[in-house]
ModelCIF file with pLDDT and N, C-alpha, C, O atoms, coordinates in Angstrom:
data_MODEL
#
_entry.id   MODEL 
#
_entity.id                         1 
_entity.type                       polymer 
_entity.pdbx_number_of_molecules   1 
#
_entity_poly.entity_id                      1 
_entity_poly.type                           'polypeptide(L)' 
_entity_poly.nstd_linkage                   no 
_entity_poly.nstd_monomer                   no 
_entity_poly.pdbx_seq_one_letter_code       MSIVENISAALQKGKRKEVVELVQEALASGITAQVILDDGLLKGMG 
_entity_poly.pdbx_seq_one_letter_code_can   MSIVENISAALQKGKRKEVVELVQEALASGITAQVILDDGLLKGMG 
_entity_poly.pdbx_strand_id                 A 
#
loop_
_entity_poly_seq.entity_id 
_entity_poly_seq.num 
_entity_poly_seq.mon_id 
_entity_poly_seq.hetero 
1 1  MET n 
1 2  SER n 
1 3  ILE n 
1 4  VAL n 
1 5  GLU n 
1 6  ASN n 
1 7  ILE n 
1 8  SER n 
1 9  ALA n 
1 10 ALA n 
1 11 LEU n 
1 12 GLN n 
1 13 LYS n 
1 14 GLY n 
1 15 LYS n 
1 16 ARG n 
1 17 LYS n 
1 18 GLU n 
1 19 VAL n 
1 20 VAL n 
1 21 GLU n 
1 22 LEU n 
1 23 VAL n 
1 24 GLN n 
1 25 GLU n 
1 26 ALA n 
1 27 LEU n 
1 28 ALA n 
1 29 SER n 
1 30 GLY n 
1 31 ILE n 
1 32 THR n 
1 33 ALA n 
1 34 GLN n 
1 35 VAL n 
1 36 ILE n 
1 37 LEU n 
1 38 ASP n 
1 39 ASP n 
1 40 GLY n 
1 41 LEU n 
1 42 LEU n 
1 43 LYS n 
1 44 GLY n 
1 45 MET n 
1 46 GLY n 
#
_struct_asym.id          A 
_struct_asym.entity_id   1 
#
loop_
_ma_qa_metric.id 
_ma_qa_metric.mode 
_ma_qa_metric.name 
_ma_qa_metric.software_group_id 
_ma_qa_metric.type 
1 global pLDDT . pLDDT 
2 local  pLDDT . pLDDT 
#
_ma_qa_metric_global.metric_id      1 
_ma_qa_metric_global.metric_value   95.63 
_ma_qa_metric_global.model_id       1 
_ma_qa_metric_global.ordinal_id     1 
#
loop_
_ma_qa_metric_local.label_asym_id 
_ma_qa_metric_local.label_comp_id 
_ma_qa_metric_local.label_seq_id 
_ma_qa_metric_local.metric_id 
_ma_qa_metric_local.metric_value 
_ma_qa_metric_local.model_id 
_ma_qa_metric_local.ordinal_id 
A MET 1  2 86.00 1 1  
A SER 2  2 95.00 1 2  
A ILE 3  2 97.00 1 3  
A VAL 4  2 97.00 1 4  
A GLU 5  2 97.00 1 5  
A ASN 6  2 97.00 1 6  
A ILE 7  2 97.00 1 7  
A SER 8  2 97.00 1 8  
A ALA 9  2 97.00 1 9  
A ALA 10 2 97.00 1 10 
A LEU 11 2 96.00 1 11 
A GLN 12 2 96.00 1 12 
A LYS 13 2 96.00 1 13 
A GLY 14 2 96.00 1 14 
A LYS 15 2 97.00 1 15 
A ARG 16 2 97.00 1 16 
A LYS 17 2 97.00 1 17 
A GLU 18 2 97.00 1 18 
A VAL 19 2 97.00 1 19 
A VAL 20 2 97.00 1 20 
A GLU 21 2 97.00 1 21 
A LEU 22 2 98.00 1 22 
A VAL 23 2 97.00 1 23 
A GLN 24 2 97.00 1 24 
A GLU 25 2 97.00 1 25 
A ALA 26 2 97.00 1 26 
A LEU 27 2 97.00 1 27 
A ALA 28 2 97.00 1 28 
A SER 29 2 97.00 1 29 
A GLY 30 2 96.00 1 30 
A ILE 31 2 97.00 1 31 
A THR 32 2 96.00 1 32 
A ALA 33 2 95.00 1 33 
A GLN 34 2 93.00 1 34 
A VAL 35 2 96.00 1 35 
A ILE 36 2 97.00 1 36 
A LEU 37 2 94.00 1 37 
A ASP 38 2 92.00 1 38 
A ASP 39 2 95.00 1 39 
A GLY 40 2 96.00 1 40 
A LEU 41 2 94.00 1 41 
A LEU 42 2 91.00 1 42 
A LYS 43 2 93.00 1 43 
A GLY 44 2 95.00 1 44 
A MET 45 2 92.00 1 45 
A GLY 46 2 90.00 1 46 
#
loop_
_atom_site.group_PDB 
_atom_site.id 
_atom_site.type_symbol 
_atom_site.label_atom_id 
_atom_site.label_alt_id 
_atom_site.label_comp_id 
_atom_site.label_asym_id 
_atom_site.label_entity_id 
_atom_site.label_seq_id 
_atom_site.pdbx_PDB_ins_code 
_atom_site.Cartn_x 
_atom_site.Cartn_y 
_atom_site.Cartn_z 
_atom_site.occupancy 
_atom_site.B_iso_or_equiv 
_atom_site.pdbx_formal_charge 
_atom_site.auth_seq_id 
_atom_site.auth_comp_id 
_atom_site.auth_asym_id 
_atom_site.auth_atom_id 
_atom_site.pdbx_PDB_model_num 
ATOM 1   N N  . MET A 1 1  ? 0.287   0.576   -4.403  1.00 86.00 ? 1  MET A N  1 
ATOM 2   C CA . MET A 1 1  ? -1.032  0.520   -5.063  1.00 86.00 ? 1  MET A CA 1 
ATOM 3   C C  . MET A 1 1  ? -1.990  1.545   -4.455  1.00 86.00 ? 1  MET A C  1 
ATOM 4   O O  . MET A 1 1  ? -1.902  1.870   -3.271  1.00 86.00 ? 1  MET A O  1 
ATOM 5   N N  . SER A 1 2  ? -2.904  2.045   -5.282  1.00 95.00 ? 2  SER A N  1 
ATOM 6   C CA . SER A 1 2  ? -3.903  2.991   -4.793  1.00 95.00 ? 2  SER A CA 1 
ATOM 7   C C  . SER A 1 2  ? -4.961  2.234   -3.986  1.00 95.00 ? 2  SER A C  1 
ATOM 8   O O  . SER A 1 2  ? -5.029  1.005   -4.020  1.00 95.00 ? 2  SER A O  1 
ATOM 9   N N  . ILE A 1 3  ? -5.782  2.997   -3.259  1.00 97.00 ? 3  ILE A N  1 
ATOM 10  C CA . ILE A 1 3  ? -6.859  2.358   -2.469  1.00 97.00 ? 3  ILE A CA 1 
ATOM 11  C C  . ILE A 1 3  ? -7.760  1.535   -3.388  1.00 97.00 ? 3  ILE A C  1 
ATOM 12  O O  . ILE A 1 3  ? -8.145  0.413   -3.060  1.00 97.00 ? 3  ILE A O  1 
ATOM 13  N N  . VAL A 1 4  ? -8.087  2.113   -4.544  1.00 97.00 ? 4  VAL A N  1 
ATOM 14  C CA . VAL A 1 4  ? -9.011  1.442   -5.463  1.00 97.00 ? 4  VAL A CA 1 
ATOM 15  C C  . VAL A 1 4  ? -8.406  0.131   -5.981  1.00 97.00 ? 4  VAL A C  1 
ATOM 16  O O  . VAL A 1 4  ? -9.107  -0.874  -6.102  1.00 97.00 ? 4  VAL A O  1 
ATOM 17  N N  . GLU A 1 5  ? -7.116  0.146   -6.282  1.00 97.00 ? 5  GLU A N  1 
ATOM 18  C CA . GLU A 1 5  ? -6.428  -1.085  -6.713  1.00 97.00 ? 5  GLU A CA 1 
ATOM 19  C C  . GLU A 1 5  ? -6.413  -2.118  -5.589  1.00 97.00 ? 5  GLU A C  1 
ATOM 20  O O  . GLU A 1 5  ? -6.549  -3.319  -5.822  1.00 97.00 ? 5  GLU A O  1 
ATOM 21  N N  . ASN A 1 6  ? -6.243  -1.617  -4.364  1.00 97.00 ? 6  ASN A N  1 
ATOM 22  C CA . ASN A 1 6  ? -6.265  -2.521  -3.202  1.00 97.00 ? 6  ASN A CA 1 
ATOM 23  C C  . ASN A 1 6  ? -7.632  -3.172  -3.026  1.00 97.00 ? 6  ASN A C  1 
ATOM 24  O O  . ASN A 1 6  ? -7.732  -4.333  -2.630  1.00 97.00 ? 6  ASN A O  1 
ATOM 25  N N  . ILE A 1 7  ? -8.691  -2.405  -3.327  1.00 97.00 ? 7  ILE A N  1 
ATOM 26  C CA . ILE A 1 7  ? -10.060 -2.950  -3.244  1.00 97.00 ? 7  ILE A CA 1 
ATOM 27  C C  . ILE A 1 7  ? -10.200 -4.111  -4.223  1.00 97.00 ? 7  ILE A C  1 
ATOM 28  O O  . ILE A 1 7  ? -10.709 -5.176  -3.875  1.00 97.00 ? 7  ILE A O  1 
ATOM 29  N N  . SER A 1 8  ? -9.742  -3.888  -5.452  1.00 97.00 ? 8  SER A N  1 
ATOM 30  C CA . SER A 1 8  ? -9.804  -4.924  -6.488  1.00 97.00 ? 8  SER A CA 1 
ATOM 31  C C  . SER A 1 8  ? -9.044  -6.180  -6.055  1.00 97.00 ? 8  SER A C  1 
ATOM 32  O O  . SER A 1 8  ? -9.530  -7.301  -6.205  1.00 97.00 ? 8  SER A O  1 
ATOM 33  N N  . ALA A 1 9  ? -7.844  -5.967  -5.516  1.00 97.00 ? 9  ALA A N  1 
ATOM 34  C CA . ALA A 1 9  ? -6.996  -7.102  -5.102  1.00 97.00 ? 9  ALA A CA 1 
ATOM 35  C C  . ALA A 1 9  ? -7.618  -7.860  -3.933  1.00 97.00 ? 9  ALA A C  1 
ATOM 36  O O  . ALA A 1 9  ? -7.618  -9.090  -3.915  1.00 97.00 ? 9  ALA A O  1 
ATOM 37  N N  . ALA A 1 10 ? -8.150  -7.118  -2.951  1.00 97.00 ? 10 ALA A N  1 
ATOM 38  C CA . ALA A 1 10 ? -8.748  -7.755  -1.769  1.00 97.00 ? 10 ALA A CA 1 
ATOM 39  C C  . ALA A 1 10 ? -10.003 -8.539  -2.163  1.00 97.00 ? 10 ALA A C  1 
ATOM 40  O O  . ALA A 1 10 ? -10.264 -9.618  -1.632  1.00 97.00 ? 10 ALA A O  1 
ATOM 41  N N  . LEU A 1 11 ? -10.774 -7.982  -3.099  1.00 96.00 ? 11 LEU A N  1 
ATOM 42  C CA . LEU A 1 11 ? -11.988 -8.661  -3.551  1.00 96.00 ? 11 LEU A CA 1 
ATOM 43  C C  . LEU A 1 11 ? -11.640 -9.994  -4.224  1.00 96.00 ? 11 LEU A C  1 
ATOM 44  O O  . LEU A 1 11 ? -12.297 -11.008 -3.989  1.00 96.00 ? 11 LEU A O  1 
ATOM 45  N N  . GLN A 1 12 ? -10.607 -9.979  -5.058  1.00 96.00 ? 12 GLN A N  1 
ATOM 46  C CA . GLN A 1 12 ? -10.221 -11.202 -5.764  1.00 96.00 ? 12 GLN A CA 1 
ATOM 47  C C  . GLN A 1 12 ? -9.758  -12.293 -4.800  1.00 96.00 ? 12 GLN A C  1 
ATOM 48  O O  . GLN A 1 12 ? -9.844  -13.486 -5.093  1.00 96.00 ? 12 GLN A O  1 
ATOM 49  N N  . LYS A 1 13 ? -9.267  -11.852 -3.647  1.00 96.00 ? 13 LYS A N  1 
ATOM 50  C CA . LYS A 1 13 ? -8.840  -12.837 -2.628  1.00 96.00 ? 13 LYS A CA 1 
ATOM 51  C C  . LYS A 1 13 ? -9.999  -13.207 -1.703  1.00 96.00 ? 13 LYS A C  1 
ATOM 52  O O  . LYS A 1 13 ? -9.855  -14.057 -0.824  1.00 96.00 ? 13 LYS A O  1 
ATOM 53  N N  . GLY A 1 14 ? -11.147 -12.561 -1.909  1.00 96.00 ? 14 GLY A N  1 
ATOM 54  C CA . GLY A 1 14 ? -12.327 -12.867 -1.091  1.00 96.00 ? 14 GLY A CA 1 
ATOM 55  C C  . GLY A 1 14 ? -12.250 -12.328 0.324   1.00 96.00 ? 14 GLY A C  1 
ATOM 56  O O  . GLY A 1 14 ? -12.907 -12.851 1.223   1.00 96.00 ? 14 GLY A O  1 
ATOM 57  N N  . LYS A 1 15 ? -11.448 -11.280 0.534   1.00 97.00 ? 15 LYS A N  1 
ATOM 58  C CA . LYS A 1 15 ? -11.285 -10.720 1.891   1.00 97.00 ? 15 LYS A CA 1 
ATOM 59  C C  . LYS A 1 15 ? -12.374 -9.679  2.148   1.00 97.00 ? 15 LYS A C  1 
ATOM 60  O O  . LYS A 1 15 ? -12.167 -8.480  1.961   1.00 97.00 ? 15 LYS A O  1 
ATOM 61  N N  . ARG A 1 16 ? -13.504 -10.152 2.568   1.00 97.00 ? 16 ARG A N  1 
ATOM 62  C CA . ARG A 1 16 ? -14.689 -9.293  2.723   1.00 97.00 ? 16 ARG A CA 1 
ATOM 63  C C  . ARG A 1 16 ? -14.459 -8.137  3.692   1.00 97.00 ? 16 ARG A C  1 
ATOM 64  O O  . ARG A 1 16 ? -14.782 -6.987  3.393   1.00 97.00 ? 16 ARG A O  1 
ATOM 65  N N  . LYS A 1 17 ? -13.896 -8.461  4.861   1.00 97.00 ? 17 LYS A N  1 
ATOM 66  C CA . LYS A 1 17 ? -13.683 -7.434  5.888   1.00 97.00 ? 17 LYS A CA 1 
ATOM 67  C C  . LYS A 1 17 ? -12.756 -6.333  5.360   1.00 97.00 ? 17 LYS A C  1 
ATOM 68  O O  . LYS A 1 17 ? -12.985 -5.143  5.576   1.00 97.00 ? 17 LYS A O  1 
ATOM 69  N N  . GLU A 1 18 ? -11.708 -6.768  4.667   1.00 97.00 ? 18 GLU A N  1 
ATOM 70  C CA . GLU A 1 18 ? -10.739 -5.819  4.110   1.00 97.00 ? 18 GLU A CA 1 
ATOM 71  C C  . GLU A 1 18 ? -11.400 -4.951  3.031   1.00 97.00 ? 18 GLU A C  1 
ATOM 72  O O  . GLU A 1 18 ? -11.147 -3.749  2.954   1.00 97.00 ? 18 GLU A O  1 
ATOM 73  N N  . VAL A 1 19 ? -12.243 -5.566  2.204   1.00 97.00 ? 19 VAL A N  1 
ATOM 74  C CA . VAL A 1 19 ? -12.952 -4.820  1.153   1.00 97.00 ? 19 VAL A CA 1 
ATOM 75  C C  . VAL A 1 19 ? -13.825 -3.743  1.789   1.00 97.00 ? 19 VAL A C  1 
ATOM 76  O O  . VAL A 1 19 ? -13.829 -2.596  1.343   1.00 97.00 ? 19 VAL A O  1 
ATOM 77  N N  . VAL A 1 20 ? -14.560 -4.114  2.830   1.00 97.00 ? 20 VAL A N  1 
ATOM 78  C CA . VAL A 1 20 ? -15.439 -3.162  3.518   1.00 97.00 ? 20 VAL A CA 1 
ATOM 79  C C  . VAL A 1 20 ? -14.625 -1.995  4.084   1.00 97.00 ? 20 VAL A C  1 
ATOM 80  O O  . VAL A 1 20 ? -14.999 -0.835  3.911   1.00 97.00 ? 20 VAL A O  1 
ATOM 81  N N  . GLU A 1 21 ? -13.516 -2.301  4.757   1.00 97.00 ? 21 GLU A N  1 
ATOM 82  C CA . GLU A 1 21 ? -12.666 -1.243  5.341   1.00 97.00 ? 21 GLU A CA 1 
ATOM 83  C C  . GLU A 1 21 ? -12.097 -0.317  4.262   1.00 97.00 ? 21 GLU A C  1 
ATOM 84  O O  . GLU A 1 21 ? -12.065 0.903   4.426   1.00 97.00 ? 21 GLU A O  1 
ATOM 85  N N  . LEU A 1 22 ? -11.646 -0.924  3.151   1.00 98.00 ? 22 LEU A N  1 
ATOM 86  C CA . LEU A 1 22 ? -11.048 -0.126  2.070   1.00 98.00 ? 22 LEU A CA 1 
ATOM 87  C C  . LEU A 1 22 ? -12.089 0.746   1.369   1.00 98.00 ? 22 LEU A C  1 
ATOM 88  O O  . LEU A 1 22 ? -11.798 1.881   0.993   1.00 98.00 ? 22 LEU A O  1 
ATOM 89  N N  . VAL A 1 23 ? -13.300 0.219   1.194   1.00 97.00 ? 23 VAL A N  1 
ATOM 90  C CA . VAL A 1 23 ? -14.366 1.017   0.575   1.00 97.00 ? 23 VAL A CA 1 
ATOM 91  C C  . VAL A 1 23 ? -14.700 2.208   1.472   1.00 97.00 ? 23 VAL A C  1 
ATOM 92  O O  . VAL A 1 23 ? -14.877 3.324   0.984   1.00 97.00 ? 23 VAL A O  1 
ATOM 93  N N  . GLN A 1 24 ? -14.785 1.973   2.778   1.00 97.00 ? 24 GLN A N  1 
ATOM 94  C CA . GLN A 1 24 ? -15.065 3.066   3.726   1.00 97.00 ? 24 GLN A CA 1 
ATOM 95  C C  . GLN A 1 24 ? -13.954 4.119   3.676   1.00 97.00 ? 24 GLN A C  1 
ATOM 96  O O  . GLN A 1 24 ? -14.207 5.324   3.688   1.00 97.00 ? 24 GLN A O  1 
ATOM 97  N N  . GLU A 1 25 ? -12.721 3.621   3.620   1.00 97.00 ? 25 GLU A N  1 
ATOM 98  C CA . GLU A 1 25 ? -11.552 4.519   3.560   1.00 97.00 ? 25 GLU A CA 1 
ATOM 99  C C  . GLU A 1 25 ? -11.574 5.343   2.258   1.00 97.00 ? 25 GLU A C  1 
ATOM 100 O O  . GLU A 1 25 ? -11.290 6.541   2.264   1.00 97.00 ? 25 GLU A O  1 
ATOM 101 N N  . ALA A 1 26 ? -11.912 4.684   1.158   1.00 97.00 ? 26 ALA A N  1 
ATOM 102 C CA . ALA A 1 26 ? -11.958 5.370   -0.139  1.00 97.00 ? 26 ALA A CA 1 
ATOM 103 C C  . ALA A 1 26 ? -13.030 6.458   -0.148  1.00 97.00 ? 26 ALA A C  1 
ATOM 104 O O  . ALA A 1 26 ? -12.801 7.561   -0.645  1.00 97.00 ? 26 ALA A O  1 
ATOM 105 N N  . LEU A 1 27 ? -14.208 6.139   0.409   1.00 97.00 ? 27 LEU A N  1 
ATOM 106 C CA . LEU A 1 27 ? -15.292 7.125   0.482   1.00 97.00 ? 27 LEU A CA 1 
ATOM 107 C C  . LEU A 1 27 ? -14.873 8.317   1.348   1.00 97.00 ? 27 LEU A C  1 
ATOM 108 O O  . LEU A 1 27 ? -15.114 9.474   1.003   1.00 97.00 ? 27 LEU A O  1 
ATOM 109 N N  . ALA A 1 28 ? -14.239 8.003   2.481   1.00 97.00 ? 28 ALA A N  1 
ATOM 110 C CA . ALA A 1 28 ? -13.806 9.058   3.408   1.00 97.00 ? 28 ALA A CA 1 
ATOM 111 C C  . ALA A 1 28 ? -12.761 9.976   2.768   1.00 97.00 ? 28 ALA A C  1 
ATOM 112 O O  . ALA A 1 28 ? -12.667 11.158  3.098   1.00 97.00 ? 28 ALA A O  1 
ATOM 113 N N  . SER A 1 29 ? -11.983 9.410   1.852   1.00 97.00 ? 29 SER A N  1 
ATOM 114 C CA . SER A 1 29 ? -10.930 10.227  1.224   1.00 97.00 ? 29 SER A CA 1 
ATOM 115 C C  . SER A 1 29 ? -11.442 10.984  -0.004  1.00 97.00 ? 29 SER A C  1 
ATOM 116 O O  . SER A 1 29 ? -10.672 11.643  -0.703  1.00 97.00 ? 29 SER A O  1 
ATOM 117 N N  . GLY A 1 30 ? -12.757 10.881  -0.259  1.00 96.00 ? 30 GLY A N  1 
ATOM 118 C CA . GLY A 1 30 ? -13.351 11.696  -1.313  1.00 96.00 ? 30 GLY A CA 1 
ATOM 119 C C  . GLY A 1 30 ? -13.414 11.057  -2.690  1.00 96.00 ? 30 GLY A C  1 
ATOM 120 O O  . GLY A 1 30 ? -13.764 11.720  -3.667  1.00 96.00 ? 30 GLY A O  1 
ATOM 121 N N  . ILE A 1 31 ? -13.076 9.766   -2.779  1.00 97.00 ? 31 ILE A N  1 
ATOM 122 C CA . ILE A 1 31 ? -13.183 9.076   -4.073  1.00 97.00 ? 31 ILE A CA 1 
ATOM 123 C C  . ILE A 1 31 ? -14.663 8.811   -4.342  1.00 97.00 ? 31 ILE A C  1 
ATOM 124 O O  . ILE A 1 31 ? -15.389 8.392   -3.440  1.00 97.00 ? 31 ILE A O  1 
ATOM 125 N N  . THR A 1 32 ? -15.112 9.047   -5.559  1.00 96.00 ? 32 THR A N  1 
ATOM 126 C CA . THR A 1 32 ? -16.546 8.886   -5.850  1.00 96.00 ? 32 THR A CA 1 
ATOM 127 C C  . THR A 1 32 ? -16.933 7.401   -5.810  1.00 96.00 ? 32 THR A C  1 
ATOM 128 O O  . THR A 1 32 ? -16.123 6.506   -6.048  1.00 96.00 ? 32 THR A O  1 
ATOM 129 N N  . ALA A 1 33 ? -18.213 7.196   -5.496  1.00 95.00 ? 33 ALA A N  1 
ATOM 130 C CA . ALA A 1 33 ? -18.739 5.824   -5.442  1.00 95.00 ? 33 ALA A CA 1 
ATOM 131 C C  . ALA A 1 33 ? -18.612 5.147   -6.813  1.00 95.00 ? 33 ALA A C  1 
ATOM 132 O O  . ALA A 1 33 ? -18.341 3.950   -6.906  1.00 95.00 ? 33 ALA A O  1 
ATOM 133 N N  . GLN A 1 34 ? -18.813 5.936   -7.869  1.00 93.00 ? 34 GLN A N  1 
ATOM 134 C CA . GLN A 1 34 ? -18.707 5.397   -9.236  1.00 93.00 ? 34 GLN A CA 1 
ATOM 135 C C  . GLN A 1 34 ? -17.308 4.825   -9.496  1.00 93.00 ? 34 GLN A C  1 
ATOM 136 O O  . GLN A 1 34 ? -17.173 3.732   -10.046 1.00 93.00 ? 34 GLN A O  1 
ATOM 137 N N  . VAL A 1 35 ? -16.274 5.568   -9.100  1.00 96.00 ? 35 VAL A N  1 
ATOM 138 C CA . VAL A 1 35 ? -14.880 5.121   -9.304  1.00 96.00 ? 35 VAL A CA 1 
ATOM 139 C C  . VAL A 1 35 ? -14.588 3.887   -8.458  1.00 96.00 ? 35 VAL A C  1 
ATOM 140 O O  . VAL A 1 35 ? -13.947 2.943   -8.921  1.00 96.00 ? 35 VAL A O  1 
ATOM 141 N N  . ILE A 1 36 ? -15.064 3.904   -7.214  1.00 97.00 ? 36 ILE A N  1 
ATOM 142 C CA . ILE A 1 36 ? -14.844 2.746   -6.322  1.00 97.00 ? 36 ILE A CA 1 
ATOM 143 C C  . ILE A 1 36 ? -15.504 1.504   -6.920  1.00 97.00 ? 36 ILE A C  1 
ATOM 144 O O  . ILE A 1 36 ? -14.932 0.414   -6.919  1.00 97.00 ? 36 ILE A O  1 
ATOM 145 N N  . LEU A 1 37 ? -16.723 1.698   -7.431  1.00 94.00 ? 37 LEU A N  1 
ATOM 146 C CA . LEU A 1 37 ? -17.465 0.584   -8.020  1.00 94.00 ? 37 LEU A CA 1 
ATOM 147 C C  . LEU A 1 37 ? -16.775 0.073   -9.288  1.00 94.00 ? 37 LEU A C  1 
ATOM 148 O O  . LEU A 1 37 ? -16.477 -1.115  -9.409  1.00 94.00 ? 37 LEU A O  1 
ATOM 149 N N  . ASP A 1 38 ? -16.528 0.988   -10.227 1.00 92.00 ? 38 ASP A N  1 
ATOM 150 C CA . ASP A 1 38 ? -16.000 0.583   -11.541 1.00 92.00 ? 38 ASP A CA 1 
ATOM 151 C C  . ASP A 1 38 ? -14.557 0.091   -11.479 1.00 92.00 ? 38 ASP A C  1 
ATOM 152 O O  . ASP A 1 38 ? -14.234 -0.984  -11.985 1.00 92.00 ? 38 ASP A O  1 
ATOM 153 N N  . ASP A 1 39 ? -13.691 0.895   -10.851 1.00 95.00 ? 39 ASP A N  1 
ATOM 154 C CA . ASP A 1 39 ? -12.245 0.598   -10.893 1.00 95.00 ? 39 ASP A CA 1 
ATOM 155 C C  . ASP A 1 39 ? -11.780 -0.295  -9.743  1.00 95.00 ? 39 ASP A C  1 
ATOM 156 O O  . ASP A 1 39 ? -10.661 -0.808  -9.754  1.00 95.00 ? 39 ASP A O  1 
ATOM 157 N N  . GLY A 1 40 ? -12.665 -0.476  -8.742  1.00 96.00 ? 40 GLY A N  1 
ATOM 158 C CA . GLY A 1 40 ? -12.303 -1.336  -7.622  1.00 96.00 ? 40 GLY A CA 1 
ATOM 159 C C  . GLY A 1 40 ? -13.073 -2.641  -7.645  1.00 96.00 ? 40 GLY A C  1 
ATOM 160 O O  . GLY A 1 40 ? -12.528 -3.692  -7.980  1.00 96.00 ? 40 GLY A O  1 
ATOM 161 N N  . LEU A 1 41 ? -14.353 -2.564  -7.285  1.00 94.00 ? 41 LEU A N  1 
ATOM 162 C CA . LEU A 1 41 ? -15.174 -3.775  -7.121  1.00 94.00 ? 41 LEU A CA 1 
ATOM 163 C C  . LEU A 1 41 ? -15.427 -4.514  -8.444  1.00 94.00 ? 41 LEU A C  1 
ATOM 164 O O  . LEU A 1 41 ? -15.167 -5.712  -8.555  1.00 94.00 ? 41 LEU A O  1 
ATOM 165 N N  . LEU A 1 42 ? -15.937 -3.777  -9.444  1.00 91.00 ? 42 LEU A N  1 
ATOM 166 C CA . LEU A 1 42 ? -16.293 -4.454  -10.697 1.00 91.00 ? 42 LEU A CA 1 
ATOM 167 C C  . LEU A 1 42 ? -15.059 -4.906  -11.468 1.00 91.00 ? 42 LEU A C  1 
ATOM 168 O O  . LEU A 1 42 ? -15.061 -5.954  -12.114 1.00 91.00 ? 42 LEU A O  1 
ATOM 169 N N  . LYS A 1 43 ? -14.005 -4.097  -11.388 1.00 93.00 ? 43 LYS A N  1 
ATOM 170 C CA . LYS A 1 43 ? -12.762 -4.488  -12.065 1.00 93.00 ? 43 LYS A CA 1 
ATOM 171 C C  . LYS A 1 43 ? -12.215 -5.775  -11.451 1.00 93.00 ? 43 LYS A C  1 
ATOM 172 O O  . LYS A 1 43 ? -11.769 -6.675  -12.162 1.00 93.00 ? 43 LYS A O  1 
ATOM 173 N N  . GLY A 1 44 ? -12.258 -5.848  -10.118 1.00 95.00 ? 44 GLY A N  1 
ATOM 174 C CA . GLY A 1 44 ? -11.783 -7.047  -9.421  1.00 95.00 ? 44 GLY A CA 1 
ATOM 175 C C  . GLY A 1 44 ? -12.595 -8.269  -9.798  1.00 95.00 ? 44 GLY A C  1 
ATOM 176 O O  . GLY A 1 44 ? -12.044 -9.344  -10.033 1.00 95.00 ? 44 GLY A O  1 
ATOM 177 N N  . MET A 1 45 ? -13.928 -8.097  -9.856  1.00 92.00 ? 45 MET A N  1 
ATOM 178 C CA . MET A 1 45 ? -14.801 -9.229  -10.207 1.00 92.00 ? 45 MET A CA 1 
ATOM 179 C C  . MET A 1 45 ? -14.578 -9.638  -11.657 1.00 92.00 ? 45 MET A C  1 
ATOM 180 O O  . MET A 1 45 ? -14.619 -10.823 -11.989 1.00 92.00 ? 45 MET A O  1 
ATOM 181 N N  . GLY A 1 46 ? -14.344 -8.656  -12.515 1.00 90.00 ? 46 GLY A N  1 
ATOM 182 C CA . GLY A 1 46 ? -14.092 -8.944  -13.930 1.00 90.00 ? 46 GLY A CA 1 
ATOM 183 C C  . GLY A 1 46 ? -12.807 -9.741  -14.115 1.00 90.00 ? 46 GLY A C  1 
ATOM 184 O O  . GLY A 1 46 ? -12.442 -10.070 -15.244 1.00 90.00 ? 46 GLY A O  1 
#
């Protein structure tokens, strides 16, 4: 799974610490905040 997919999966499991680490990792690897938000966090919540 991609980092963004992992963010979605971790969020659905309520793993806050893991979500924070993965978001930081995604930003560091150059993924835009919009993609992290839409395809990771919001997709997971949806």
